[in-house]
Amino acid sequence: MPNAKILLVEDNPSVARSLEHLLVNAGYDVFIAHDGASGLELARAEGVDLILLDWMLPDTEGPQFVQDVRVFTQSPCIMVTAQDGPECAVQALEAGCDDFIEKPIRADELLLRVGRMLRRSEDPGE
């Protein structure tokens, strides 16, 4: 999906820059928020096509962010986190996330998952 709008909610500036660079080079438009409150504002204002978010944010946790954003959008959401273990993945998915990736992130895997989510949201019948 060329020029898809991706919201990246990540509080670590160096991780955010790295992911932004990767996504922009893949042809996506990227909006960055460093906390949950500004992430929710951007999600509302920009009508993003996909959300990538970290679990631990300064003002909320990823699962709570997903519950809050689901009030006004069904855009796919991928949790990208250093939290590990099956209970974290289950909690993220139960909150409404569509996918869960543990850090450290492999660039090729992230781009494949992002592309897959965008294709699914474009044609929900698949």
N, C-alpha and C. Protein backbone atom coordinates (compact mmCIF):
# COMPACT_ATOMS: atom_id res chain seq x y z
N MET A 1 0.85 -1.17 0.00
CA MET A 1 0.00 0.00 0.00
C MET A 1 0.90 1.24 0.00
N PRO A 2 1.18 1.79 -1.15
CA PRO A 2 2.08 2.94 -1.24
C PRO A 2 1.54 4.13 -0.45
N ASN A 3 2.44 4.83 0.17
CA ASN A 3 2.13 6.03 0.94
C ASN A 3 1.13 5.78 2.06
N ALA A 4 1.07 4.57 2.56
CA ALA A 4 0.23 4.30 3.72
C ALA A 4 0.76 5.13 4.88
N LYS A 5 -0.16 5.59 5.72
CA LYS A 5 0.21 6.41 6.88
C LYS A 5 0.36 5.51 8.10
N ILE A 6 1.55 5.54 8.69
CA ILE A 6 1.84 4.71 9.85
C ILE A 6 2.12 5.62 11.04
N LEU A 7 1.45 5.32 12.14
CA LEU A 7 1.71 6.02 13.40
C LEU A 7 2.66 5.15 14.21
N LEU A 8 3.79 5.72 14.59
CA LEU A 8 4.78 5.04 15.42
C LEU A 8 4.73 5.68 16.80
N VAL A 9 4.35 4.90 17.81
CA VAL A 9 4.29 5.40 19.18
C VAL A 9 5.43 4.72 19.94
N GLU A 10 6.50 5.46 20.13
CA GLU A 10 7.74 4.93 20.71
C GLU A 10 8.42 6.03 21.51
N ASP A 11 8.69 5.78 22.79
CA ASP A 11 9.27 6.82 23.64
C ASP A 11 10.78 6.94 23.54
N ASN A 12 11.45 5.94 23.00
CA ASN A 12 12.90 5.99 22.85
C ASN A 12 13.24 6.68 21.52
N PRO A 13 13.82 7.89 21.58
CA PRO A 13 14.08 8.64 20.34
C PRO A 13 14.96 7.91 19.33
N SER A 14 15.98 7.18 19.79
CA SER A 14 16.85 6.50 18.82
C SER A 14 16.13 5.33 18.15
N VAL A 15 15.31 4.61 18.90
CA VAL A 15 14.51 3.53 18.29
C VAL A 15 13.50 4.13 17.32
N ALA A 16 12.87 5.23 17.72
CA ALA A 16 11.88 5.88 16.85
C ALA A 16 12.53 6.33 15.55
N ARG A 17 13.73 6.92 15.63
CA ARG A 17 14.43 7.37 14.41
C ARG A 17 14.78 6.19 13.51
N SER A 18 15.26 5.11 14.10
CA SER A 18 15.63 3.93 13.31
C SER A 18 14.41 3.35 12.59
N LEU A 19 13.32 3.20 13.33
CA LEU A 19 12.11 2.65 12.72
C LEU A 19 11.53 3.59 11.67
N GLU A 20 11.57 4.89 11.96
CA GLU A 20 11.10 5.87 10.99
C GLU A 20 11.90 5.76 9.70
N HIS A 21 13.21 5.70 9.81
CA HIS A 21 14.08 5.58 8.63
C HIS A 21 13.72 4.33 7.83
N LEU A 22 13.58 3.22 8.49
CA LEU A 22 13.22 1.96 7.83
C LEU A 22 11.90 2.08 7.09
N LEU A 23 10.90 2.63 7.75
CA LEU A 23 9.56 2.72 7.16
C LEU A 23 9.49 3.74 6.03
N VAL A 24 10.13 4.88 6.21
CA VAL A 24 10.15 5.90 5.15
C VAL A 24 10.85 5.36 3.91
N ASN A 25 11.96 4.65 4.10
CA ASN A 25 12.68 4.07 2.97
C ASN A 25 11.85 3.00 2.26
N ALA A 26 10.90 2.41 2.97
CA ALA A 26 10.01 1.42 2.37
C ALA A 26 8.81 2.08 1.69
N GLY A 27 8.72 3.41 1.76
CA GLY A 27 7.67 4.13 1.06
C GLY A 27 6.47 4.55 1.90
N TYR A 28 6.57 4.44 3.21
CA TYR A 28 5.46 4.81 4.08
C TYR A 28 5.61 6.23 4.60
N ASP A 29 4.48 6.87 4.86
CA ASP A 29 4.46 8.16 5.56
C ASP A 29 4.38 7.84 7.04
N VAL A 30 5.28 8.41 7.84
CA VAL A 30 5.38 8.05 9.25
C VAL A 30 5.12 9.27 10.13
N PHE A 31 4.28 9.07 11.12
CA PHE A 31 4.00 10.07 12.15
C PHE A 31 4.50 9.49 13.47
N ILE A 32 5.22 10.28 14.25
CA ILE A 32 5.82 9.78 15.48
C ILE A 32 5.22 10.47 16.69
N ALA A 33 4.89 9.67 17.69
CA ALA A 33 4.47 10.16 19.00
C ALA A 33 5.37 9.49 20.03
N HIS A 34 5.76 10.25 21.05
CA HIS A 34 6.64 9.71 22.08
C HIS A 34 5.90 9.35 23.37
N ASP A 35 4.58 9.49 23.36
CA ASP A 35 3.78 9.07 24.51
C ASP A 35 2.37 8.74 24.02
N GLY A 36 1.60 8.12 24.90
CA GLY A 36 0.27 7.68 24.51
C GLY A 36 -0.69 8.81 24.17
N ALA A 37 -0.66 9.89 24.95
CA ALA A 37 -1.60 10.99 24.72
C ALA A 37 -1.40 11.61 23.34
N SER A 38 -0.15 11.90 22.98
CA SER A 38 0.08 12.48 21.65
C SER A 38 -0.16 11.44 20.56
N GLY A 39 0.04 10.17 20.86
CA GLY A 39 -0.27 9.11 19.90
C GLY A 39 -1.76 9.07 19.59
N LEU A 40 -2.58 9.18 20.61
CA LEU A 40 -4.03 9.20 20.40
C LEU A 40 -4.45 10.42 19.59
N GLU A 41 -3.85 11.56 19.88
CA GLU A 41 -4.16 12.78 19.12
C GLU A 41 -3.81 12.61 17.64
N LEU A 42 -2.61 12.08 17.37
CA LEU A 42 -2.19 11.87 15.98
C LEU A 42 -3.07 10.84 15.28
N ALA A 43 -3.42 9.78 15.97
CA ALA A 43 -4.28 8.75 15.36
C ALA A 43 -5.60 9.35 14.93
N ARG A 44 -6.16 10.21 15.76
CA ARG A 44 -7.42 10.88 15.42
C ARG A 44 -7.24 11.87 14.26
N ALA A 45 -6.21 12.69 14.36
CA ALA A 45 -6.01 13.78 13.40
C ALA A 45 -5.60 13.29 12.02
N GLU A 46 -4.79 12.25 11.96
CA GLU A 46 -4.20 11.84 10.68
C GLU A 46 -4.93 10.69 10.01
N GLY A 47 -5.82 10.01 10.71
CA GLY A 47 -6.51 8.87 10.10
C GLY A 47 -5.52 7.84 9.58
N VAL A 48 -4.65 7.37 10.45
CA VAL A 48 -3.55 6.49 10.04
C VAL A 48 -4.06 5.12 9.58
N ASP A 49 -3.25 4.48 8.75
CA ASP A 49 -3.59 3.16 8.20
C ASP A 49 -3.11 2.02 9.08
N LEU A 50 -2.10 2.29 9.92
CA LEU A 50 -1.53 1.25 10.78
C LEU A 50 -0.84 1.93 11.95
N ILE A 51 -0.85 1.26 13.11
CA ILE A 51 -0.20 1.77 14.30
C ILE A 51 0.84 0.76 14.77
N LEU A 52 2.08 1.25 14.97
CA LEU A 52 3.14 0.47 15.59
C LEU A 52 3.38 1.10 16.95
N LEU A 53 3.34 0.33 18.02
CA LEU A 53 3.56 0.95 19.31
C LEU A 53 4.36 0.09 20.24
N ASP A 54 5.06 0.78 21.11
CA ASP A 54 5.85 0.15 22.15
C ASP A 54 4.92 -0.18 23.32
N TRP A 55 5.29 -1.16 24.12
CA TRP A 55 4.50 -1.54 25.29
C TRP A 55 4.59 -0.48 26.38
N MET A 56 5.83 -0.12 26.72
CA MET A 56 6.07 0.80 27.83
C MET A 56 6.18 2.23 27.31
N LEU A 57 5.21 3.05 27.67
CA LEU A 57 5.21 4.47 27.30
C LEU A 57 5.21 5.28 28.59
N PRO A 58 5.64 6.52 28.53
CA PRO A 58 5.74 7.30 29.76
C PRO A 58 4.41 7.50 30.49
N ASP A 59 3.30 7.53 29.74
CA ASP A 59 2.02 7.85 30.37
C ASP A 59 1.00 6.72 30.32
N THR A 60 1.35 5.60 29.71
CA THR A 60 0.42 4.47 29.61
C THR A 60 1.18 3.23 29.18
N GLU A 61 0.51 2.11 29.16
CA GLU A 61 1.08 0.88 28.61
C GLU A 61 0.36 0.58 27.30
N GLY A 62 1.06 -0.13 26.42
CA GLY A 62 0.52 -0.44 25.11
C GLY A 62 -0.88 -1.01 25.09
N PRO A 63 -1.18 -2.02 25.92
CA PRO A 63 -2.54 -2.57 25.89
C PRO A 63 -3.62 -1.52 26.20
N GLN A 64 -3.34 -0.61 27.13
CA GLN A 64 -4.31 0.44 27.43
C GLN A 64 -4.45 1.40 26.25
N PHE A 65 -3.33 1.72 25.60
CA PHE A 65 -3.37 2.59 24.42
C PHE A 65 -4.27 1.96 23.35
N VAL A 66 -4.10 0.66 23.13
CA VAL A 66 -4.90 -0.02 22.10
C VAL A 66 -6.39 0.06 22.45
N GLN A 67 -6.73 -0.17 23.71
CA GLN A 67 -8.14 -0.06 24.11
C GLN A 67 -8.67 1.35 23.87
N ASP A 68 -7.85 2.35 24.16
CA ASP A 68 -8.27 3.75 23.96
C ASP A 68 -8.43 4.09 22.48
N VAL A 69 -7.51 3.63 21.65
CA VAL A 69 -7.56 3.96 20.23
C VAL A 69 -8.69 3.20 19.52
N ARG A 70 -9.05 2.03 20.04
CA ARG A 70 -10.12 1.24 19.42
C ARG A 70 -11.48 1.91 19.55
N VAL A 71 -11.59 2.91 20.40
CA VAL A 71 -12.85 3.65 20.54
C VAL A 71 -13.18 4.37 19.23
N PHE A 72 -12.14 4.78 18.48
CA PHE A 72 -12.42 5.58 17.27
C PHE A 72 -11.77 5.06 16.00
N THR A 73 -10.98 3.98 16.05
CA THR A 73 -10.43 3.44 14.81
C THR A 73 -10.19 1.93 14.93
N GLN A 74 -10.32 1.28 13.80
CA GLN A 74 -10.01 -0.15 13.73
C GLN A 74 -8.74 -0.38 12.91
N SER A 75 -7.93 0.67 12.72
CA SER A 75 -6.67 0.52 11.99
C SER A 75 -5.84 -0.57 12.65
N PRO A 76 -5.18 -1.41 11.85
CA PRO A 76 -4.37 -2.48 12.43
C PRO A 76 -3.31 -1.92 13.37
N CYS A 77 -3.01 -2.71 14.37
CA CYS A 77 -2.06 -2.29 15.40
C CYS A 77 -1.07 -3.42 15.66
N ILE A 78 0.21 -3.08 15.62
CA ILE A 78 1.27 -4.05 15.91
C ILE A 78 2.03 -3.55 17.13
N MET A 79 2.07 -4.36 18.18
CA MET A 79 2.83 -4.03 19.38
C MET A 79 4.27 -4.49 19.16
N VAL A 80 5.20 -3.57 19.35
CA VAL A 80 6.63 -3.85 19.21
C VAL A 80 7.24 -3.60 20.58
N THR A 81 7.77 -4.64 21.21
CA THR A 81 8.14 -4.47 22.62
C THR A 81 9.29 -5.35 23.07
N ALA A 82 9.93 -4.90 24.13
CA ALA A 82 10.97 -5.70 24.79
C ALA A 82 10.34 -6.65 25.80
N GLN A 83 9.05 -6.47 26.09
CA GLN A 83 8.35 -7.39 26.98
C GLN A 83 8.31 -8.74 26.27
N ASP A 84 8.58 -9.79 27.01
CA ASP A 84 8.57 -11.10 26.36
C ASP A 84 7.70 -12.08 27.14
N GLY A 85 7.50 -13.19 26.54
CA GLY A 85 6.69 -14.23 27.16
C GLY A 85 5.30 -14.28 26.58
N PRO A 86 4.73 -15.46 26.60
CA PRO A 86 3.41 -15.63 25.99
C PRO A 86 2.32 -14.81 26.68
N GLU A 87 2.46 -14.54 27.98
CA GLU A 87 1.42 -13.77 28.66
C GLU A 87 1.36 -12.33 28.16
N CYS A 88 2.49 -11.77 27.76
CA CYS A 88 2.50 -10.41 27.20
C CYS A 88 1.82 -10.39 25.84
N ALA A 89 2.13 -11.36 25.02
CA ALA A 89 1.50 -11.43 23.71
C ALA A 89 -0.01 -11.60 23.86
N VAL A 90 -0.43 -12.46 24.77
CA VAL A 90 -1.85 -12.68 24.99
C VAL A 90 -2.53 -11.40 25.46
N GLN A 91 -1.90 -10.70 26.40
CA GLN A 91 -2.48 -9.45 26.91
C GLN A 91 -2.62 -8.42 25.79
N ALA A 92 -1.60 -8.30 24.93
CA ALA A 92 -1.66 -7.35 23.82
C ALA A 92 -2.78 -7.72 22.84
N LEU A 93 -2.86 -8.99 22.52
CA LEU A 93 -3.89 -9.43 21.57
C LEU A 93 -5.29 -9.29 22.16
N GLU A 94 -5.44 -9.58 23.45
CA GLU A 94 -6.75 -9.42 24.09
C GLU A 94 -7.17 -7.96 24.13
N ALA A 95 -6.21 -7.05 24.21
CA ALA A 95 -6.52 -5.62 24.23
C ALA A 95 -6.97 -5.11 22.87
N GLY A 96 -6.69 -5.88 21.81
CA GLY A 96 -7.12 -5.47 20.47
C GLY A 96 -6.00 -5.33 19.47
N CYS A 97 -4.77 -5.64 19.87
CA CYS A 97 -3.66 -5.62 18.91
C CYS A 97 -3.87 -6.71 17.87
N ASP A 98 -3.37 -6.46 16.68
CA ASP A 98 -3.46 -7.44 15.60
C ASP A 98 -2.23 -8.31 15.50
N ASP A 99 -1.11 -7.84 16.05
CA ASP A 99 0.14 -8.60 15.97
C ASP A 99 1.05 -8.14 17.10
N PHE A 100 2.10 -8.91 17.35
CA PHE A 100 3.00 -8.69 18.48
C PHE A 100 4.40 -9.09 18.04
N ILE A 101 5.36 -8.17 18.16
CA ILE A 101 6.75 -8.45 17.78
C ILE A 101 7.65 -8.11 18.95
N GLU A 102 8.54 -9.06 19.31
CA GLU A 102 9.48 -8.81 20.39
C GLU A 102 10.74 -8.14 19.85
N LYS A 103 11.28 -7.20 20.65
CA LYS A 103 12.57 -6.59 20.33
C LYS A 103 13.65 -7.57 20.75
N PRO A 104 14.79 -7.60 20.12
CA PRO A 104 15.21 -6.75 19.02
C PRO A 104 14.45 -7.09 17.73
N ILE A 105 14.18 -6.06 16.98
CA ILE A 105 13.37 -6.17 15.77
C ILE A 105 14.25 -6.50 14.58
N ARG A 106 13.81 -7.46 13.79
CA ARG A 106 14.46 -7.72 12.50
C ARG A 106 13.74 -6.88 11.46
N ALA A 107 14.47 -6.06 10.76
CA ALA A 107 13.89 -5.13 9.80
C ALA A 107 13.04 -5.85 8.75
N ASP A 108 13.56 -6.95 8.20
CA ASP A 108 12.81 -7.65 7.16
C ASP A 108 11.50 -8.21 7.69
N GLU A 109 11.52 -8.74 8.91
CA GLU A 109 10.30 -9.28 9.50
C GLU A 109 9.28 -8.17 9.77
N LEU A 110 9.74 -7.05 10.30
CA LEU A 110 8.83 -5.93 10.57
C LEU A 110 8.17 -5.46 9.28
N LEU A 111 8.95 -5.26 8.23
CA LEU A 111 8.38 -4.78 6.96
C LEU A 111 7.39 -5.79 6.38
N LEU A 112 7.67 -7.08 6.53
CA LEU A 112 6.73 -8.09 6.04
C LEU A 112 5.42 -8.05 6.82
N ARG A 113 5.52 -7.93 8.14
CA ARG A 113 4.31 -7.87 8.96
C ARG A 113 3.50 -6.60 8.68
N VAL A 114 4.17 -5.48 8.53
CA VAL A 114 3.49 -4.22 8.22
C VAL A 114 2.77 -4.35 6.88
N GLY A 115 3.47 -4.84 5.87
CA GLY A 115 2.85 -5.01 4.56
C GLY A 115 1.65 -5.94 4.60
N ARG A 116 1.78 -7.02 5.34
CA ARG A 116 0.68 -7.98 5.45
C ARG A 116 -0.54 -7.35 6.13
N MET A 117 -0.31 -6.62 7.19
CA MET A 117 -1.42 -5.97 7.90
C MET A 117 -2.11 -4.94 7.01
N LEU A 118 -1.33 -4.19 6.27
CA LEU A 118 -1.92 -3.17 5.39
C LEU A 118 -2.74 -3.82 4.27
N ARG A 119 -2.24 -4.91 3.71
CA ARG A 119 -2.99 -5.60 2.66
C ARG A 119 -4.30 -6.15 3.22
N ARG A 120 -4.25 -6.71 4.41
CA ARG A 120 -5.47 -7.26 5.03
C ARG A 120 -6.49 -6.18 5.30
N SER A 121 -6.03 -5.03 5.77
CA SER A 121 -6.97 -3.96 6.09
C SER A 121 -7.56 -3.34 4.82
N GLU A 122 -6.80 -3.41 3.73
CA GLU A 122 -7.27 -2.89 2.46
C GLU A 122 -8.36 -3.79 1.88
N ASP A 123 -8.24 -5.11 2.09
CA ASP A 123 -9.19 -6.09 1.57
C ASP A 123 -9.54 -7.07 2.69
N PRO A 124 -10.46 -6.69 3.59
CA PRO A 124 -10.77 -7.52 4.74
C PRO A 124 -11.35 -8.89 4.39
N GLY A 125 -11.75 -9.12 3.15
CA GLY A 125 -12.30 -10.41 2.75
C GLY A 125 -11.25 -11.49 2.61
N GLU A 126 -9.97 -11.13 2.65
CA GLU A 126 -8.91 -12.13 2.48
C GLU A 126 -8.68 -12.89 3.75
